[in-house]
Amino acid sequence: MTHLTEHSLVQGGRSAAFATACVRGGVAAGLGVGALAVLVIVAWISSPFPDSGAGGALHLAAGLWLLAHGVELVRTDTLGGLPAPLGIVPLLTTALPVWLVFRTARSTLDPADETSPRPSPAGALGAVSGGYLLVAAVIVVYSESGPLPADLVTAGLWLPGVVLGAAGAGVWTALGRPLPGREEAAAALRGAGSGLLTLLAGGAVLAGTSLVWHAGAARASYEGIAGEWSGRVALALLVLALLPNAAVWAAAYGLGPGVALGTGALATPLGLVGDPAVPPFPLLAALPPEGRGGWPQWAAAAVPVVAAVVLGRSVGRSTGTGPARETALAALGAAWASGAAVAVLAGAAGGPLGSGRLLAFGPVWWQAGAAAVLWGVAVGLPTALAVRAWGRRVPRPKRPKQPKPPKPAKQPKAAKAQEPALAAAPAPGAAAPTPLDFDFSLGGPSGPSGLEDLDEDEGYVPYDYLPASWETPSASPAPPVPRPAPAPRPDTEPPRPSATAGAEREGEPEPDA
């Protein structure tokens, strides 16, 4: 009789979880293929002149799905009869399969039921990637019988790399996004991420500005390629899928190496050299004109400068407490990490568009990566050291301000209203002021009878008797100030009081002896 132990139950649970993760990886691949197949079939149904049947539409969807993973396709139905490679990946279509793999790997290690068994991080990575690649292998085999078969060499290189990278990012997120133990390594990764995002954002701004500047040429190209509304909708979706490619191209253009416009033609901020082989396409209308570049083209160099400054600022703030050697090493590591990421993106955004002169189209991956490293070292390293020095500066102590004298307390309104009354009232014991009595009568002391006598006089003129300055009456002279009586001498007797003075004091009580 076989007894089940706890160890066997755990192993059996993990084996079931591993199988479930493998199935989930295959389902993620099927969802991506299905989404592209729906779009292609809708475009085929709405097209008034379909070139092939439903089988051709499904083969086209399979080829686009492989192209979204970086796999080069081979066009067999060319005018010359020779197969032509197609290697420019629409980066927006890459977002769907990458997100599906990322989400599947993250949810495998983070189930809703914590009591259910789950595989180890390495097991989840292998299971999800293995299930996804099994479905991808079937699609590669299916595409070989269509008009756009996959290149087996690039399928063996790019397809596993994209799947493992997306699944690894999902496992890393499920584990809490741990960074390396050393502080300078973590600071380098953060600085490289911030600098890369700034570089791509600046490239998007450059591409959008140039496209708006050449809006007339882009519109003419758009209307010349697609005439029917279904063709215009399909072309608009293709342009939308290639917008991230335009941002990477513009970033590589600003870095300095520029972009290749066919074999022997190169566009840089200094000018366009050679004879470009540019097919009619709306996004390609935003390319710079032929000849030497002017200040609008030179202004593109501001994008890598700003990206390097952001990289150095991030590194300087992260390593501000350590020595300068750690800051310098972290800045160098961030420059190399951002250069590697730029090289990968440049390689995915460019590639061949056909045979002959269209074999080299887009940025050269190793030149763009090397330029990103140089900008990071030349600008990002001094910026990181400057930010570190600025953060470690000792602020000067400020002199204390002298306290201001206290303000007098505000008096209540009742006290303010009583102040004029108190000022107008006479002081106790002081004599009241004598009112001035002015005599404005014309008759003098005789009163009104004097006026009657003057009226009876025939030669009387009233103006002869008015004073010279009658507007202001003359003030009465102030009474003389009495002089103080001299103090009595000690050898003389005090003056005797008179009879009148004695009479005035009769009514007063006599002081006690």
Protein backbone atom coordinates (compact mmCIF):
# COMPACT_ATOMS: atom_id res chain seq x y z
CA MET A 1 0.00 0.00 0.00
CA THR A 2 1.39 3.34 -1.03
CA HIS A 3 1.26 6.14 1.52
CA LEU A 4 1.16 9.77 0.34
CA THR A 5 3.57 11.98 2.19
CA GLU A 6 3.68 15.76 2.41
CA HIS A 7 6.74 15.83 0.15
CA SER A 8 4.97 13.90 -2.59
CA LEU A 9 1.93 16.14 -2.33
CA VAL A 10 4.09 19.24 -2.71
CA GLN A 11 5.90 17.79 -5.69
CA GLY A 12 2.63 16.78 -7.29
CA GLY A 13 1.18 20.23 -6.70
CA ARG A 14 4.19 21.96 -8.24
CA SER A 15 4.09 19.65 -11.24
CA ALA A 16 0.45 20.58 -11.80
CA ALA A 17 1.30 24.26 -11.41
CA PHE A 18 4.14 23.89 -13.92
CA ALA A 19 1.82 22.27 -16.45
CA THR A 20 -0.78 24.98 -15.88
CA ALA A 21 1.81 27.69 -16.49
CA CYS A 22 2.87 25.99 -19.72
CA VAL A 23 -0.73 25.91 -20.94
CA ARG A 24 -1.22 29.53 -20.01
CA GLY A 25 1.83 30.49 -22.07
CA GLY A 26 0.35 28.73 -25.12
CA VAL A 27 -2.97 30.51 -24.57
CA ALA A 28 -1.17 33.88 -24.49
CA ALA A 29 0.41 33.12 -27.87
CA GLY A 30 -2.96 32.10 -29.30
CA LEU A 31 -4.58 35.33 -28.08
CA GLY A 32 -1.97 37.42 -29.83
CA VAL A 33 -2.36 35.57 -33.11
CA GLY A 34 -6.13 35.74 -32.85
CA ALA A 35 -6.19 39.50 -32.31
CA LEU A 36 -4.08 40.14 -35.43
CA ALA A 37 -6.10 37.61 -37.41
CA VAL A 38 -9.33 39.46 -36.60
CA LEU A 39 -7.91 42.76 -37.86
CA VAL A 40 -6.56 41.21 -41.06
CA ILE A 41 -9.80 39.37 -41.83
CA VAL A 42 -11.86 42.52 -41.27
CA ALA A 43 -9.59 44.43 -43.65
CA TRP A 44 -9.85 41.60 -46.20
CA ILE A 45 -13.64 41.52 -45.99
CA SER A 46 -13.95 45.29 -46.39
CA SER A 47 -11.54 45.42 -49.31
CA PRO A 48 -13.32 45.79 -52.71
CA PHE A 49 -10.51 43.98 -54.55
CA PRO A 50 -9.23 41.09 -52.40
CA ASP A 51 -6.13 39.50 -53.89
CA SER A 52 -6.53 36.14 -52.15
CA GLY A 53 -9.00 34.14 -50.11
CA ALA A 54 -9.32 33.57 -46.40
CA GLY A 55 -6.24 31.36 -46.42
CA GLY A 56 -4.11 34.22 -47.65
CA ALA A 57 -5.51 36.48 -44.92
CA LEU A 58 -4.63 33.93 -42.25
CA HIS A 59 -1.10 33.53 -43.63
CA LEU A 60 -0.72 37.31 -43.58
CA ALA A 61 -1.84 37.43 -39.92
CA ALA A 62 0.69 34.73 -39.01
CA GLY A 63 3.47 36.63 -40.79
CA LEU A 64 2.59 39.90 -39.03
CA TRP A 65 2.58 38.12 -35.66
CA LEU A 66 6.07 36.74 -36.30
CA LEU A 67 7.23 40.15 -37.53
CA ALA A 68 6.02 41.67 -34.26
CA HIS A 69 8.54 39.43 -32.48
CA GLY A 70 11.43 40.65 -34.63
CA VAL A 71 11.41 37.80 -37.12
CA GLU A 72 12.25 38.83 -40.68
CA LEU A 73 9.86 37.83 -43.42
CA VAL A 74 10.63 37.02 -47.06
CA ARG A 75 8.39 38.32 -49.84
CA THR A 76 8.20 35.80 -52.63
CA ASP A 77 5.72 37.55 -54.95
CA THR A 78 8.01 40.37 -56.13
CA LEU A 79 7.97 41.93 -59.58
CA GLY A 80 11.46 40.67 -60.37
CA GLY A 81 10.76 37.18 -59.14
CA LEU A 82 13.59 37.29 -56.60
CA PRO A 83 12.70 37.00 -52.90
CA ALA A 84 13.03 40.26 -50.95
CA PRO A 85 13.46 40.47 -47.18
CA LEU A 86 11.16 42.53 -44.96
CA GLY A 87 12.67 43.27 -41.56
CA ILE A 88 11.26 46.57 -40.23
CA VAL A 89 9.16 45.66 -37.19
CA PRO A 90 6.13 47.85 -36.38
CA LEU A 91 6.96 48.39 -32.71
CA LEU A 92 3.38 49.11 -31.69
CA THR A 93 2.35 45.61 -32.73
CA THR A 94 5.11 44.28 -30.48
CA ALA A 95 3.37 45.73 -27.45
CA LEU A 96 0.49 43.21 -27.60
CA PRO A 97 2.48 39.92 -27.48
CA VAL A 98 5.00 41.33 -25.03
CA TRP A 99 2.22 42.43 -22.67
CA LEU A 100 0.51 39.05 -22.91
CA VAL A 101 3.69 37.15 -21.98
CA PHE A 102 4.48 39.62 -19.20
CA ARG A 103 1.01 39.36 -17.69
CA THR A 104 0.96 35.57 -17.88
CA ALA A 105 4.31 35.20 -16.10
CA ARG A 106 3.35 37.68 -13.41
CA SER A 107 -0.01 36.09 -12.68
CA THR A 108 1.58 32.61 -12.54
CA LEU A 109 3.62 33.61 -9.48
CA ASP A 110 0.88 35.73 -7.98
CA PRO A 111 -2.30 33.61 -8.00
CA ALA A 112 -5.55 34.77 -6.48
CA ASP A 113 -5.65 31.75 -4.12
CA GLU A 114 -2.51 31.84 -2.00
CA THR A 115 -3.12 28.30 -0.70
CA SER A 116 -2.79 26.73 -4.18
CA PRO A 117 0.69 25.54 -5.18
CA ARG A 118 2.74 27.57 -7.58
CA PRO A 119 6.04 26.92 -9.35
CA SER A 120 9.35 28.49 -8.45
CA PRO A 121 10.42 31.67 -10.25
CA ALA A 122 12.73 29.73 -12.58
CA GLY A 123 10.01 27.14 -13.18
CA ALA A 124 7.46 29.82 -14.00
CA LEU A 125 9.88 31.46 -16.43
CA GLY A 126 10.59 28.18 -18.20
CA ALA A 127 6.99 26.97 -18.25
CA VAL A 128 5.43 30.18 -19.63
CA SER A 129 8.20 30.65 -22.20
CA GLY A 130 8.10 26.99 -23.24
CA GLY A 131 4.34 26.97 -23.83
CA TYR A 132 4.53 30.20 -25.79
CA LEU A 133 7.42 29.00 -27.97
CA LEU A 134 5.65 25.73 -28.77
CA VAL A 135 2.77 27.66 -30.34
CA ALA A 136 5.26 29.99 -32.06
CA ALA A 137 7.01 27.03 -33.65
CA VAL A 138 3.71 25.84 -35.10
CA ILE A 139 3.06 29.32 -36.54
CA VAL A 140 6.55 29.44 -38.09
CA VAL A 141 5.88 26.15 -39.85
CA TYR A 142 2.46 27.38 -41.00
CA SER A 143 3.93 30.60 -42.44
CA GLU A 144 6.29 28.65 -44.70
CA SER A 145 3.41 27.77 -47.01
CA GLY A 146 2.24 31.37 -47.41
CA PRO A 147 3.38 34.44 -49.34
CA LEU A 148 5.38 35.74 -46.35
CA PRO A 149 7.46 32.87 -44.95
CA ALA A 150 9.63 33.51 -41.88
CA ASP A 151 13.42 33.64 -41.99
CA LEU A 152 14.51 30.70 -39.86
CA VAL A 153 17.74 32.33 -38.66
CA THR A 154 16.05 35.41 -37.20
CA ALA A 155 13.21 33.25 -35.93
CA GLY A 156 15.70 31.20 -33.90
CA LEU A 157 17.35 34.36 -32.47
CA TRP A 158 14.77 37.09 -31.96
CA LEU A 159 11.70 35.04 -31.10
CA PRO A 160 13.14 33.27 -28.01
CA GLY A 161 14.86 36.47 -26.89
CA VAL A 162 11.66 38.53 -26.92
CA VAL A 163 9.65 35.83 -25.15
CA LEU A 164 12.25 35.19 -22.44
CA GLY A 165 12.71 38.92 -21.86
CA ALA A 166 8.98 39.57 -21.44
CA ALA A 167 8.50 36.53 -19.19
CA GLY A 168 11.52 37.52 -17.11
CA ALA A 169 10.10 41.00 -16.62
CA GLY A 170 6.83 39.46 -15.42
CA VAL A 171 8.61 37.22 -12.90
CA TRP A 172 10.70 40.16 -11.68
CA THR A 173 7.54 42.23 -11.15
CA ALA A 174 5.84 39.40 -9.27
CA LEU A 175 8.83 39.20 -6.91
CA GLY A 176 8.55 42.92 -6.06
CA ARG A 177 11.02 44.35 -8.61
CA PRO A 178 14.18 43.65 -6.58
CA LEU A 179 17.32 45.54 -7.55
CA PRO A 180 20.93 44.44 -7.14
CA GLY A 181 22.33 44.57 -3.65
CA ARG A 182 25.01 47.13 -4.45
CA GLU A 183 23.84 50.70 -4.37
CA GLU A 184 25.72 51.83 -7.47
CA ALA A 185 24.21 48.99 -9.57
CA ALA A 186 20.67 49.92 -8.59
CA ALA A 187 21.42 53.61 -9.21
CA ALA A 188 22.83 52.76 -12.64
CA LEU A 189 19.69 50.87 -13.65
CA ARG A 190 17.41 53.68 -12.47
CA GLY A 191 19.50 56.29 -14.25
CA ALA A 192 19.58 54.26 -17.49
CA GLY A 193 15.79 53.88 -17.40
CA SER A 194 15.13 57.59 -16.85
CA GLY A 195 17.63 58.60 -19.54
CA LEU A 196 16.17 56.14 -22.07
CA LEU A 197 12.62 57.34 -21.49
CA THR A 198 13.72 60.95 -21.91
CA LEU A 199 15.56 60.12 -25.14
CA LEU A 200 12.53 58.35 -26.63
CA ALA A 201 10.18 61.16 -25.57
CA GLY A 202 12.46 63.71 -27.20
CA GLY A 203 12.58 61.60 -30.37
CA ALA A 204 8.79 61.51 -30.46
CA VAL A 205 8.69 65.30 -30.18
CA LEU A 206 11.22 65.66 -33.02
CA ALA A 207 9.30 63.27 -35.28
CA GLY A 208 5.97 64.94 -34.56
CA THR A 209 7.37 68.42 -35.18
CA SER A 210 8.92 67.41 -38.51
CA LEU A 211 5.74 65.63 -39.58
CA VAL A 212 3.65 68.72 -38.86
CA TRP A 213 6.20 70.87 -40.72
CA HIS A 214 5.86 68.61 -43.80
CA ALA A 215 2.11 68.03 -43.41
CA GLY A 216 1.40 68.84 -47.05
CA ALA A 217 3.80 66.24 -48.42
CA ALA A 218 2.56 63.62 -45.92
CA ARG A 219 -1.05 64.21 -46.94
CA ALA A 220 -0.24 63.95 -50.63
CA SER A 221 1.58 60.67 -50.06
CA TYR A 222 -1.30 59.30 -47.99
CA GLU A 223 -3.91 60.13 -50.63
CA GLY A 224 -1.73 58.81 -53.45
CA ILE A 225 -1.25 55.35 -51.93
CA ALA A 226 -4.80 54.55 -50.81
CA GLY A 227 -7.85 55.55 -52.80
CA GLU A 228 -10.71 53.57 -51.26
CA TRP A 229 -11.84 54.08 -47.68
CA SER A 230 -10.87 50.53 -46.69
CA GLY A 231 -7.36 51.05 -48.00
CA ARG A 232 -7.12 54.35 -46.18
CA VAL A 233 -8.16 52.72 -42.91
CA ALA A 234 -5.57 49.97 -43.35
CA LEU A 235 -2.88 52.52 -44.20
CA ALA A 236 -3.82 54.60 -41.15
CA LEU A 237 -3.44 51.54 -38.91
CA LEU A 238 -0.02 50.84 -40.43
CA VAL A 239 1.09 54.43 -39.84
CA LEU A 240 -0.12 54.20 -36.25
CA ALA A 241 1.84 50.98 -35.71
CA LEU A 242 5.03 52.62 -37.04
CA LEU A 243 4.87 55.75 -34.87
CA PRO A 244 7.24 54.26 -32.21
CA ASN A 245 9.67 53.47 -35.03
CA ALA A 246 9.61 57.13 -36.04
CA ALA A 247 10.45 58.13 -32.45
CA VAL A 248 13.45 55.75 -32.41
CA TRP A 249 14.62 57.03 -35.79
CA ALA A 250 14.41 60.64 -34.61
CA ALA A 251 16.32 59.77 -31.42
CA ALA A 252 19.07 58.09 -33.45
CA TYR A 253 19.12 61.15 -35.73
CA GLY A 254 19.66 63.45 -32.77
CA LEU A 255 22.38 61.22 -31.29
CA GLY A 256 24.58 61.94 -34.31
CA PRO A 257 24.96 58.75 -36.38
CA GLY A 258 21.67 59.44 -38.13
CA VAL A 259 19.56 57.03 -40.16
CA ALA A 260 20.32 55.19 -43.37
CA LEU A 261 17.95 55.89 -46.27
CA GLY A 262 19.22 53.08 -48.45
CA THR A 263 22.71 51.88 -49.27
CA GLY A 264 25.00 54.87 -49.66
CA ALA A 265 22.57 57.48 -48.25
CA LEU A 266 22.77 58.81 -44.68
CA ALA A 267 20.81 61.59 -42.97
CA THR A 268 22.50 63.32 -40.00
CA PRO A 269 22.08 66.73 -38.32
CA LEU A 270 24.98 67.95 -40.46
CA GLY A 271 23.11 67.17 -43.67
CA LEU A 272 21.90 64.43 -46.01
CA VAL A 273 24.67 62.62 -47.89
CA GLY A 274 24.08 60.41 -50.93
CA ASP A 275 21.03 59.62 -53.03
CA PRO A 276 18.20 58.38 -50.77
CA ALA A 277 15.95 55.60 -51.94
CA VAL A 278 12.78 56.66 -50.15
CA PRO A 279 9.53 54.92 -51.13
CA PRO A 280 6.31 56.95 -51.00
CA PHE A 281 4.99 56.72 -47.44
CA PRO A 282 3.42 59.37 -45.16
CA LEU A 283 5.92 59.00 -42.31
CA LEU A 284 8.90 59.24 -44.65
CA ALA A 285 7.75 62.71 -45.69
CA ALA A 286 9.14 63.98 -42.37
CA LEU A 287 12.74 63.23 -43.40
CA PRO A 288 15.11 66.24 -43.64
CA PRO A 289 15.71 67.79 -47.05
CA GLU A 290 18.82 67.13 -49.09
CA GLY A 291 21.90 69.29 -48.62
CA ARG A 292 23.62 70.71 -45.58
CA GLY A 293 21.70 70.99 -42.36
CA GLY A 294 20.79 74.28 -40.72
CA TRP A 295 19.82 75.30 -37.21
CA PRO A 296 16.54 73.26 -37.26
CA GLN A 297 18.58 70.11 -37.86
CA TRP A 298 21.28 71.07 -35.35
CA ALA A 299 18.62 71.64 -32.69
CA ALA A 300 18.00 67.87 -32.68
CA ALA A 301 21.21 67.47 -30.65
CA ALA A 302 19.38 68.96 -27.66
CA VAL A 303 17.49 65.67 -27.22
CA PRO A 304 20.52 63.51 -26.23
CA VAL A 305 21.90 66.35 -24.12
CA VAL A 306 18.70 66.54 -22.06
CA ALA A 307 18.57 62.73 -21.80
CA ALA A 308 22.16 62.59 -20.53
CA VAL A 309 21.46 65.35 -17.99
CA VAL A 310 18.43 63.43 -16.68
CA LEU A 311 20.57 60.27 -16.46
CA GLY A 312 23.30 62.08 -14.49
CA ARG A 313 20.80 63.78 -12.20
CA SER A 314 19.18 60.46 -11.31
CA VAL A 315 22.54 58.83 -10.58
CA GLY A 316 23.81 61.82 -8.58
CA ARG A 317 20.72 61.92 -6.37
CA SER A 318 20.79 58.15 -5.78
CA THR A 319 24.48 58.04 -4.77
CA GLY A 320 24.76 61.41 -3.08
CA THR A 321 25.67 59.96 0.32
CA GLY A 322 28.54 57.78 -0.93
CA PRO A 323 32.01 58.64 -2.19
CA ALA A 324 32.63 60.19 -5.60
CA ARG A 325 34.04 56.91 -6.93
CA GLU A 326 30.68 55.17 -6.51
CA THR A 327 28.91 58.00 -8.28
CA ALA A 328 31.32 57.84 -11.21
CA LEU A 329 30.99 54.05 -11.50
CA ALA A 330 27.20 54.27 -11.36
CA ALA A 331 27.16 56.95 -14.07
CA LEU A 332 29.40 54.83 -16.33
CA GLY A 333 27.18 51.79 -15.75
CA ALA A 334 24.06 53.81 -16.56
CA ALA A 335 25.65 55.07 -19.78
CA TRP A 336 26.51 51.53 -20.89
CA ALA A 337 23.05 50.20 -19.95
CA SER A 338 21.26 52.95 -21.86
CA GLY A 339 23.56 52.40 -24.84
CA ALA A 340 22.69 48.69 -24.90
CA ALA A 341 18.95 49.46 -24.78
CA VAL A 342 19.28 52.03 -27.58
CA ALA A 343 21.16 49.49 -29.72
CA VAL A 344 18.38 46.90 -29.27
CA LEU A 345 15.66 49.41 -30.12
CA ALA A 346 17.56 50.73 -33.14
CA GLY A 347 18.06 47.21 -34.43
CA ALA A 348 14.35 46.44 -34.06
CA ALA A 349 13.16 49.75 -35.56
CA GLY A 350 15.31 49.43 -38.69
CA GLY A 351 16.06 46.73 -41.18
CA PRO A 352 15.68 45.87 -44.83
CA LEU A 353 12.68 46.92 -46.91
CA GLY A 354 13.65 44.89 -49.93
CA SER A 355 16.66 43.96 -52.00
CA GLY A 356 19.25 46.17 -53.63
CA ARG A 357 19.42 49.69 -52.24
CA LEU A 358 16.69 49.03 -49.66
CA LEU A 359 18.75 46.47 -47.76
CA ALA A 360 19.92 49.13 -45.28
CA PHE A 361 17.07 51.25 -44.02
CA GLY A 362 16.86 52.94 -40.63
CA PRO A 363 19.42 53.54 -37.85
CA VAL A 364 22.51 51.36 -37.58
CA TRP A 365 22.19 49.61 -34.23
CA TRP A 366 25.83 49.61 -33.12
CA GLN A 367 26.43 53.22 -34.12
CA ALA A 368 23.33 54.43 -32.25
CA GLY A 369 24.31 52.44 -29.14
CA ALA A 370 27.89 53.74 -29.16
CA ALA A 371 26.66 57.33 -29.55
CA ALA A 372 24.33 56.89 -26.57
CA VAL A 373 27.25 55.64 -24.45
CA LEU A 374 29.41 58.61 -25.47
CA TRP A 375 26.68 61.13 -24.61
CA GLY A 376 26.17 59.45 -21.25
CA VAL A 377 29.88 59.59 -20.42
CA ALA A 378 30.51 63.10 -21.75
CA VAL A 379 27.43 64.78 -20.24
CA GLY A 380 25.91 62.35 -17.75
CA LEU A 381 29.08 61.69 -15.73
CA PRO A 382 29.90 65.38 -15.00
CA THR A 383 26.23 66.01 -14.25
CA ALA A 384 26.14 63.16 -11.72
CA LEU A 385 29.26 64.45 -9.95
CA ALA A 386 27.92 68.01 -9.93
CA VAL A 387 24.57 66.90 -8.49
CA ARG A 388 26.37 64.87 -5.82
CA ALA A 389 28.57 67.86 -4.88
CA TRP A 390 25.56 70.17 -4.77
CA GLY A 391 23.69 67.79 -2.51
CA ARG A 392 26.61 67.51 -0.07
CA ARG A 393 27.17 71.23 0.32
CA VAL A 394 27.03 72.67 3.87
CA PRO A 395 24.55 75.53 4.13
CA ARG A 396 25.83 78.68 5.82
CA PRO A 397 24.16 79.52 9.13
CA LYS A 398 21.85 82.47 8.90
CA ARG A 399 22.15 85.35 11.35
CA PRO A 400 19.24 85.51 13.76
CA LYS A 401 16.97 88.44 13.16
CA GLN A 402 16.58 90.95 15.97
CA PRO A 403 13.12 90.87 17.49
CA LYS A 404 10.92 93.79 16.65
CA PRO A 405 9.64 96.00 19.51
CA PRO A 406 6.17 95.03 20.65
CA LYS A 407 3.36 97.07 19.26
CA PRO A 408 1.24 99.11 21.72
CA ALA A 409 -1.99 97.53 22.70
CA LYS A 410 -5.00 98.80 20.84
CA GLN A 411 -7.47 100.85 22.91
CA PRO A 412 -11.14 99.96 22.79
CA LYS A 413 -13.47 102.16 20.81
CA ALA A 414 -15.19 103.47 23.96
CA ALA A 415 -11.87 104.82 25.31
CA LYS A 416 -11.11 106.48 21.95
CA ALA A 417 -14.49 108.19 21.96
CA GLN A 418 -13.93 109.59 25.46
CA GLU A 419 -10.50 111.10 24.63
CA PRO A 420 -11.85 114.25 22.84
CA ALA A 421 -14.32 114.87 25.66
CA LEU A 422 -11.58 114.58 28.29
CA ALA A 423 -9.31 116.89 26.30
CA ALA A 424 -12.06 119.51 25.95
CA ALA A 425 -13.04 119.47 29.62
CA PRO A 426 -11.11 121.93 31.87
CA ALA A 427 -8.74 120.61 34.43
CA PRO A 428 -10.03 120.56 37.99
CA GLY A 429 -9.15 123.76 39.87
CA ALA A 430 -8.40 125.76 36.74
CA ALA A 431 -10.28 128.97 35.98
CA ALA A 432 -12.77 128.82 33.16
CA PRO A 433 -11.76 130.88 30.15
CA THR A 434 -13.44 134.23 29.87
CA PRO A 435 -15.57 134.51 26.73
CA LEU A 436 -14.74 137.42 24.48
CA ASP A 437 -17.43 140.04 24.18
CA PHE A 438 -17.30 142.00 20.96
CA ASP A 439 -19.42 145.05 20.33
CA PHE A 440 -20.51 145.15 16.72
CA SER A 441 -23.08 147.93 17.13
CA LEU A 442 -22.56 151.01 14.98
CA GLY A 443 -24.06 153.39 17.47
CA GLY A 444 -21.67 152.75 20.30
CA PRO A 445 -22.95 152.86 23.81
CA SER A 446 -25.98 154.84 22.80
CA GLY A 447 -27.52 151.72 21.22
CA PRO A 448 -30.12 151.98 18.54
CA SER A 449 -30.76 155.65 19.29
CA GLY A 450 -27.44 156.53 17.82
CA LEU A 451 -28.43 154.91 14.53
CA GLU A 452 -31.55 157.05 14.39
CA ASP A 453 -29.51 160.25 14.89
CA LEU A 454 -27.11 159.27 12.14
CA ASP A 455 -29.94 158.53 9.74
CA GLU A 456 -31.29 162.09 10.20
CA ASP A 457 -27.98 163.60 9.12
CA GLU A 458 -28.04 164.34 5.36
CA GLY A 459 -24.27 163.93 4.87
CA TYR A 460 -24.18 160.55 6.56
CA VAL A 461 -22.42 157.81 4.65
CA PRO A 462 -22.34 154.42 6.47
CA TYR A 463 -19.05 153.34 5.00
CA ASP A 464 -17.24 156.31 6.57
CA TYR A 465 -17.97 154.98 10.05
CA LEU A 466 -16.96 151.32 9.51
CA PRO A 467 -13.62 150.22 10.94
CA ALA A 468 -10.69 149.68 8.54
CA SER A 469 -10.47 145.92 9.24
CA TRP A 470 -13.91 144.88 10.34
CA GLU A 471 -13.56 141.26 9.28
CA THR A 472 -11.50 140.26 12.35
CA PRO A 473 -12.27 141.84 15.67
CA SER A 474 -9.35 143.06 17.71
CA ALA A 475 -8.51 140.80 20.59
CA SER A 476 -8.81 142.24 24.03
CA PRO A 477 -5.47 142.75 25.75
CA ALA A 478 -4.48 140.02 28.15
CA PRO A 479 -4.58 141.06 31.80
CA PRO A 480 -1.17 141.67 33.40
CA VAL A 481 0.33 138.76 35.26
CA PRO A 482 0.53 139.62 38.97
CA ARG A 483 3.99 139.49 40.45
CA PRO A 484 4.55 137.22 43.43
CA ALA A 485 4.71 138.96 46.76
CA PRO A 486 8.19 139.10 48.25
CA ALA A 487 8.85 136.65 51.01
CA PRO A 488 8.79 138.23 54.50
CA ARG A 489 12.04 138.74 56.25
CA PRO A 490 12.73 136.76 59.39
CA ASP A 491 13.36 139.93 61.47
CA THR A 492 10.10 141.58 60.49
CA GLU A 493 6.68 140.84 61.86
CA PRO A 494 4.01 139.36 59.68
CA PRO A 495 1.36 141.81 58.57
CA ARG A 496 -1.67 142.01 60.73
CA PRO A 497 -4.90 141.01 59.17
CA SER A 498 -7.29 143.78 58.46
CA ALA A 499 -10.83 144.01 59.67
CA THR A 500 -12.18 142.92 56.32
CA ALA A 501 -10.08 139.82 56.24
CA GLY A 502 -11.20 138.93 59.71
CA ALA A 503 -14.78 139.33 58.70
CA GLU A 504 -14.36 136.95 55.78
CA ARG A 505 -12.91 134.30 58.09
CA GLU A 506 -15.63 134.50 60.72
CA GLY A 507 -17.66 131.83 59.06
CA GLU A 508 -14.74 129.36 58.88
CA PRO A 509 -14.17 126.97 61.80
CA GLU A 510 -11.16 127.57 63.87
CA PRO A 511 -8.48 124.91 63.80
CA ASP A 512 -7.97 122.88 66.91
CA ALA A 513 -5.20 124.03 69.10
